N, C-alpha and C. Protein backbone atom coordinates (compact mmCIF):
# COMPACT_ATOMS: atom_id res chain seq x y z
N TYR A 1 16.30 23.64 15.92
CA TYR A 1 15.02 23.02 16.45
C TYR A 1 15.31 22.57 17.94
N ASN A 2 14.34 23.22 18.82
CA ASN A 2 14.37 23.07 20.21
C ASN A 2 13.34 22.10 20.61
N TYR A 3 13.92 20.91 21.21
CA TYR A 3 13.08 19.77 21.65
C TYR A 3 12.78 20.12 23.02
N GLU A 4 11.35 20.15 23.44
CA GLU A 4 10.97 20.34 24.77
C GLU A 4 10.24 19.03 25.18
N PRO A 5 10.39 18.47 26.41
CA PRO A 5 9.72 17.20 26.83
C PRO A 5 8.21 17.63 26.96
N LEU A 6 7.39 16.53 26.80
CA LEU A 6 6.01 16.61 26.97
C LEU A 6 5.47 17.15 28.42
N THR A 7 4.52 18.14 28.41
CA THR A 7 4.18 18.61 29.60
C THR A 7 2.58 18.61 29.57
N LYS A 8 1.99 18.53 30.79
CA LYS A 8 0.44 18.66 30.95
C LYS A 8 0.29 19.65 32.11
N GLY A 9 0.01 20.97 31.82
CA GLY A 9 -0.11 21.86 32.78
C GLY A 9 1.23 22.02 33.36
N ASP A 10 1.39 21.87 34.66
CA ASP A 10 2.68 22.12 35.41
C ASP A 10 3.45 20.83 35.47
N TYR A 11 2.99 19.78 35.11
CA TYR A 11 3.59 18.47 35.29
C TYR A 11 4.46 18.17 33.99
N ILE A 12 5.71 17.81 34.21
CA ILE A 12 6.56 17.52 33.14
C ILE A 12 6.83 16.09 33.17
N TYR A 13 6.41 15.28 32.06
CA TYR A 13 6.70 13.91 32.03
C TYR A 13 8.10 13.61 32.13
N PRO A 14 8.41 12.38 32.78
CA PRO A 14 9.86 11.88 32.87
C PRO A 14 10.48 11.57 31.48
N GLY A 15 11.70 11.51 31.49
CA GLY A 15 12.47 11.19 30.20
C GLY A 15 12.11 9.88 29.66
N TRP A 16 11.93 8.79 30.61
CA TRP A 16 11.65 7.59 30.04
C TRP A 16 10.24 7.43 29.44
N ALA A 17 9.24 8.22 29.86
CA ALA A 17 7.89 8.30 29.34
C ALA A 17 8.05 8.95 27.91
N ASN A 18 8.87 9.92 27.81
CA ASN A 18 9.04 10.52 26.39
C ASN A 18 9.76 9.55 25.41
N GLY A 19 10.73 8.80 26.06
CA GLY A 19 11.46 7.76 25.33
C GLY A 19 10.40 6.69 24.80
N ILE A 20 9.46 6.21 25.62
CA ILE A 20 8.57 5.25 25.22
C ILE A 20 7.66 5.87 24.05
N GLY A 21 7.22 7.08 24.13
CA GLY A 21 6.53 7.70 23.21
C GLY A 21 7.15 7.72 21.73
N TRP A 22 8.45 8.08 21.79
CA TRP A 22 9.27 8.15 20.61
C TRP A 22 9.46 6.75 20.07
N CYS A 23 9.64 5.82 20.95
CA CYS A 23 9.88 4.38 20.38
C CYS A 23 8.59 3.88 19.70
N LEU A 24 7.35 4.21 20.30
CA LEU A 24 6.18 3.76 19.79
C LEU A 24 5.97 4.50 18.41
N ALA A 25 6.25 5.81 18.28
CA ALA A 25 6.21 6.51 17.01
C ALA A 25 7.12 5.91 15.96
N MET A 26 8.23 5.63 16.41
CA MET A 26 9.28 5.18 15.38
C MET A 26 9.00 3.85 14.88
N ILE A 27 8.40 2.98 15.81
CA ILE A 27 7.97 1.53 15.23
C ILE A 27 6.87 1.74 14.10
N CYS A 28 5.96 2.60 14.27
CA CYS A 28 4.92 2.97 13.24
C CYS A 28 5.51 3.59 11.96
N ILE A 29 6.44 4.55 12.15
CA ILE A 29 6.92 5.14 11.08
C ILE A 29 8.00 4.41 10.27
N LEU A 30 8.82 3.64 11.01
CA LEU A 30 9.93 2.75 10.28
C LEU A 30 9.48 1.49 9.72
N ALA A 31 8.21 1.10 10.02
CA ALA A 31 7.77 -0.14 9.44
C ALA A 31 7.73 -0.14 7.99
N VAL A 32 7.38 1.00 7.41
CA VAL A 32 7.30 1.10 5.85
C VAL A 32 8.79 0.90 5.21
N PRO A 33 9.79 1.77 5.64
CA PRO A 33 11.05 1.64 5.16
C PRO A 33 11.67 0.30 5.39
N PHE A 34 11.42 -0.32 6.47
CA PHE A 34 11.95 -1.49 6.95
C PHE A 34 11.40 -2.71 6.01
N MET A 35 10.15 -2.71 5.72
CA MET A 35 9.43 -3.70 4.73
C MET A 35 9.95 -3.43 3.36
N MET A 36 10.32 -2.31 3.05
CA MET A 36 10.89 -1.84 1.64
C MET A 36 12.23 -2.58 1.52
N ILE A 37 12.97 -2.49 2.67
CA ILE A 37 14.42 -3.17 2.59
C ILE A 37 14.25 -4.66 2.46
N VAL A 38 13.29 -5.27 3.28
CA VAL A 38 13.09 -6.79 3.28
C VAL A 38 12.66 -7.07 1.76
N HIS A 39 11.77 -6.27 1.19
CA HIS A 39 11.19 -6.64 -0.19
C HIS A 39 12.38 -6.65 -1.11
N VAL A 40 13.37 -5.56 -1.02
CA VAL A 40 14.56 -5.51 -2.08
C VAL A 40 15.47 -6.64 -1.69
N ILE A 41 15.81 -7.03 -0.42
CA ILE A 41 16.65 -8.04 -0.20
C ILE A 41 15.97 -9.48 -0.68
N LYS A 42 14.72 -9.76 -0.58
CA LYS A 42 14.03 -10.88 -1.11
C LYS A 42 14.21 -10.93 -2.74
N ALA A 43 14.08 -9.71 -3.20
CA ALA A 43 14.14 -9.63 -4.64
C ALA A 43 15.63 -9.98 -5.02
N LEU A 44 16.50 -9.53 -4.35
CA LEU A 44 18.02 -9.80 -4.61
C LEU A 44 18.32 -11.31 -4.57
N ILE A 45 17.79 -11.90 -3.50
CA ILE A 45 17.91 -13.31 -3.39
C ILE A 45 17.28 -14.09 -4.48
N ASN A 46 16.10 -13.78 -4.80
CA ASN A 46 15.26 -14.57 -5.75
C ASN A 46 15.49 -14.08 -7.39
N SER A 47 16.26 -13.10 -7.51
CA SER A 47 16.33 -12.51 -8.87
C SER A 47 16.87 -13.54 -9.99
N GLY A 48 17.92 -14.29 -9.56
CA GLY A 48 18.30 -15.39 -10.58
C GLY A 48 18.39 -14.92 -11.99
N SER A 49 17.61 -15.74 -12.83
CA SER A 49 17.68 -15.36 -14.26
C SER A 49 16.76 -14.23 -14.66
N GLN A 50 15.81 -14.05 -13.76
CA GLN A 50 14.61 -13.07 -14.11
C GLN A 50 15.23 -11.64 -14.02
N GLY A 51 16.17 -11.35 -13.19
CA GLY A 51 16.71 -9.99 -13.08
C GLY A 51 16.17 -9.34 -11.99
N LEU A 52 16.83 -8.37 -11.36
CA LEU A 52 16.45 -7.68 -10.19
C LEU A 52 15.25 -6.71 -10.51
N VAL A 53 15.27 -6.01 -11.57
CA VAL A 53 14.20 -5.04 -11.89
C VAL A 53 12.92 -5.85 -11.97
N ASP A 54 12.91 -6.86 -12.81
CA ASP A 54 11.77 -7.73 -13.02
C ASP A 54 11.19 -8.36 -11.82
N GLU A 55 12.04 -8.68 -10.90
CA GLU A 55 11.68 -9.37 -9.66
C GLU A 55 10.95 -8.31 -8.76
N LEU A 56 11.57 -7.10 -8.79
CA LEU A 56 11.00 -6.05 -7.97
C LEU A 56 9.47 -5.74 -8.44
N LYS A 57 9.32 -5.61 -9.89
CA LYS A 57 8.10 -5.29 -10.49
C LYS A 57 7.05 -6.38 -10.06
N GLU A 58 7.60 -7.65 -10.14
CA GLU A 58 6.58 -8.77 -9.88
C GLU A 58 6.20 -8.70 -8.47
N GLY A 59 7.03 -8.27 -7.56
CA GLY A 59 6.70 -8.17 -6.08
C GLY A 59 5.74 -7.06 -5.78
N LEU A 60 5.63 -6.14 -6.65
CA LEU A 60 4.75 -4.98 -6.48
C LEU A 60 3.35 -5.18 -6.94
N LYS A 61 3.22 -6.35 -7.64
CA LYS A 61 1.80 -6.64 -8.23
C LYS A 61 0.96 -7.28 -7.06
N PRO A 62 -0.27 -7.13 -7.15
CA PRO A 62 -1.13 -7.67 -6.15
C PRO A 62 -1.15 -9.25 -6.19
N THR A 63 -1.23 -9.85 -5.15
CA THR A 63 -1.21 -11.35 -5.04
C THR A 63 -2.69 -11.80 -5.49
N LYS A 64 -2.70 -13.18 -5.80
CA LYS A 64 -4.04 -13.72 -6.26
C LYS A 64 -4.96 -13.64 -5.18
N GLN A 65 -4.56 -13.94 -3.86
CA GLN A 65 -5.32 -13.79 -2.61
C GLN A 65 -5.92 -12.45 -2.48
N TRP A 66 -5.02 -11.43 -2.66
CA TRP A 66 -5.38 -9.96 -2.56
C TRP A 66 -6.47 -9.66 -3.52
N ARG A 67 -6.18 -10.04 -4.84
CA ARG A 67 -7.21 -9.77 -5.92
C ARG A 67 -8.48 -10.57 -5.69
N ALA A 68 -8.48 -11.74 -5.17
CA ALA A 68 -9.77 -12.47 -4.89
C ALA A 68 -10.53 -11.68 -3.86
N ASN A 69 -9.88 -11.25 -2.79
CA ASN A 69 -10.67 -10.61 -1.74
C ASN A 69 -11.08 -9.16 -2.25
N ALA A 70 -10.25 -8.58 -3.07
CA ALA A 70 -10.80 -7.29 -3.64
C ALA A 70 -12.13 -7.46 -4.45
N ILE A 71 -12.06 -8.48 -5.28
CA ILE A 71 -13.19 -8.75 -6.07
C ILE A 71 -14.44 -9.15 -5.28
N ARG A 72 -14.24 -9.91 -4.21
CA ARG A 72 -15.35 -10.31 -3.22
C ARG A 72 -15.97 -9.12 -2.60
N ALA A 73 -15.03 -8.03 -2.16
CA ALA A 73 -15.51 -6.98 -1.53
C ALA A 73 -16.30 -6.11 -2.43
N ASN A 74 -15.75 -5.99 -3.75
CA ASN A 74 -16.41 -5.30 -4.82
C ASN A 74 -17.86 -5.79 -5.10
N ALA A 75 -17.92 -7.03 -5.03
CA ALA A 75 -19.37 -7.74 -5.37
C ALA A 75 -20.18 -7.37 -4.12
N ARG A 76 -19.69 -7.39 -2.95
CA ARG A 76 -20.48 -7.19 -1.80
C ARG A 76 -20.96 -5.68 -1.85
N ASP A 77 -20.11 -4.72 -2.15
CA ASP A 77 -20.49 -3.38 -2.32
C ASP A 77 -21.41 -2.98 -3.37
N GLY A 78 -21.52 -3.81 -4.43
CA GLY A 78 -22.51 -3.43 -5.50
C GLY A 78 -22.29 -2.13 -6.28
N SER A 79 -23.33 -1.45 -6.42
CA SER A 79 -23.19 -0.16 -7.12
C SER A 79 -22.47 0.99 -6.33
N LYS A 80 -22.20 0.75 -5.15
CA LYS A 80 -21.47 1.71 -4.32
C LYS A 80 -19.92 1.50 -4.53
N SER A 81 -19.57 0.54 -5.21
CA SER A 81 -18.08 0.25 -5.34
C SER A 81 -17.42 1.26 -6.21
N LEU A 82 -16.22 1.70 -5.99
CA LEU A 82 -15.52 2.65 -6.61
C LEU A 82 -14.74 1.98 -7.97
N PHE A 83 -14.65 0.66 -8.00
CA PHE A 83 -13.96 0.05 -9.10
C PHE A 83 -14.73 -1.07 -9.72
N ASP A 84 -14.41 -1.39 -10.97
CA ASP A 84 -15.00 -2.51 -11.78
C ASP A 84 -13.90 -3.51 -12.06
N TYR A 85 -14.00 -4.68 -12.06
CA TYR A 85 -13.04 -5.68 -12.39
C TYR A 85 -13.43 -6.44 -13.65
N VAL A 86 -12.52 -6.21 -14.57
CA VAL A 86 -12.73 -6.83 -16.04
C VAL A 86 -11.64 -7.89 -16.26
N GLN A 87 -12.14 -9.11 -16.76
CA GLN A 87 -11.23 -10.13 -17.20
C GLN A 87 -10.70 -9.86 -18.46
N ARG A 88 -9.29 -9.66 -18.52
CA ARG A 88 -8.51 -9.49 -19.86
C ARG A 88 -7.63 -10.63 -20.09
N GLY A 89 -7.98 -11.60 -20.75
CA GLY A 89 -7.07 -12.75 -20.92
C GLY A 89 -7.01 -13.49 -19.59
N THR A 90 -5.76 -13.65 -19.22
CA THR A 90 -5.60 -14.25 -17.92
C THR A 90 -5.49 -13.45 -16.76
N GLU A 91 -5.69 -12.12 -16.85
CA GLU A 91 -5.65 -11.05 -15.90
C GLU A 91 -6.84 -10.54 -15.56
N THR A 92 -7.09 -10.10 -14.42
CA THR A 92 -8.34 -9.39 -13.92
C THR A 92 -7.71 -8.05 -13.80
N VAL A 93 -8.47 -7.08 -14.45
CA VAL A 93 -7.88 -5.67 -14.43
C VAL A 93 -8.82 -4.85 -13.80
N ARG A 94 -8.51 -3.97 -12.91
CA ARG A 94 -9.37 -3.03 -12.15
C ARG A 94 -9.43 -1.56 -12.79
N PHE A 95 -10.63 -1.19 -13.02
CA PHE A 95 -10.91 0.15 -13.51
C PHE A 95 -11.78 0.95 -12.65
N ARG A 96 -11.64 2.27 -12.75
CA ARG A 96 -12.41 3.23 -12.00
C ARG A 96 -13.97 3.07 -12.38
N SER A 97 -14.89 2.90 -11.53
CA SER A 97 -16.27 2.94 -11.95
C SER A 97 -16.85 4.30 -12.42
N GLY A 98 -17.84 4.27 -13.05
CA GLY A 98 -18.52 5.42 -13.61
C GLY A 98 -18.31 5.62 -15.04
N LYS A 99 -18.95 6.70 -15.54
CA LYS A 99 -18.82 7.09 -17.00
C LYS A 99 -17.98 8.40 -17.19
N GLY A 100 -17.32 8.86 -16.07
CA GLY A 100 -16.70 10.08 -16.24
C GLY A 100 -15.31 10.06 -16.96
N GLY A 101 -14.88 8.85 -17.47
CA GLY A 101 -13.69 8.85 -18.12
C GLY A 101 -12.47 9.03 -17.18
N HIS A 102 -11.77 10.03 -17.37
CA HIS A 102 -10.53 10.22 -16.45
C HIS A 102 -10.93 10.84 -15.11
N VAL A 103 -11.01 10.01 -14.07
CA VAL A 103 -11.35 10.45 -12.74
C VAL A 103 -10.19 10.22 -11.70
N ASN A 104 -9.69 11.17 -11.11
CA ASN A 104 -8.78 10.96 -9.88
C ASN A 104 -7.62 10.04 -10.35
N GLY A 105 -7.04 10.30 -11.54
CA GLY A 105 -5.77 9.56 -11.90
C GLY A 105 -6.08 8.28 -12.63
N TYR A 106 -7.32 7.87 -12.76
CA TYR A 106 -7.62 6.59 -13.54
C TYR A 106 -8.31 6.87 -14.76
N ASP A 107 -7.79 6.42 -15.88
CA ASP A 107 -8.32 6.52 -17.22
C ASP A 107 -9.07 5.26 -17.65
N ASN A 108 -10.26 5.34 -17.92
CA ASN A 108 -11.02 4.08 -18.41
C ASN A 108 -11.03 3.99 -19.89
N LYS A 109 -10.04 4.51 -20.60
CA LYS A 109 -10.13 4.40 -22.15
C LYS A 109 -10.00 3.00 -22.55
N ASP A 110 -9.32 2.06 -21.81
CA ASP A 110 -9.19 0.73 -22.04
C ASP A 110 -10.58 -0.02 -22.11
N LEU A 111 -11.64 0.43 -21.37
CA LEU A 111 -12.88 -0.20 -21.41
C LEU A 111 -13.75 0.26 -22.56
N ARG A 112 -13.40 1.34 -23.24
CA ARG A 112 -13.98 1.98 -24.42
C ARG A 112 -13.29 1.36 -25.55
N ASN A 113 -13.90 0.70 -26.41
CA ASN A 113 -13.25 0.02 -27.53
C ASN A 113 -13.57 0.77 -28.91
């Protein structure tokens, strides 16, 4: 792999300008793995009697605030919404809208009794 500094026409940008560009790119790219590490560390600290795997699974579920915002956005979108929310016991479950059954990785078989 041959790295060449950024150029525009005959102008070659200085090394510090390329460095700033790489730093900005890495901040965006590394945010996801960094937050994954933070999530795993928090799960290790909080695992206690629940166990690490269960704590990680719980951390990957949507929060109540996220779900409330999603339901509000769904109601605002009306028939244009891609999902339907159905109350199942204490949980609100999201399903793909429409009558197509299995669409883009979502299977609505739980809605059909």
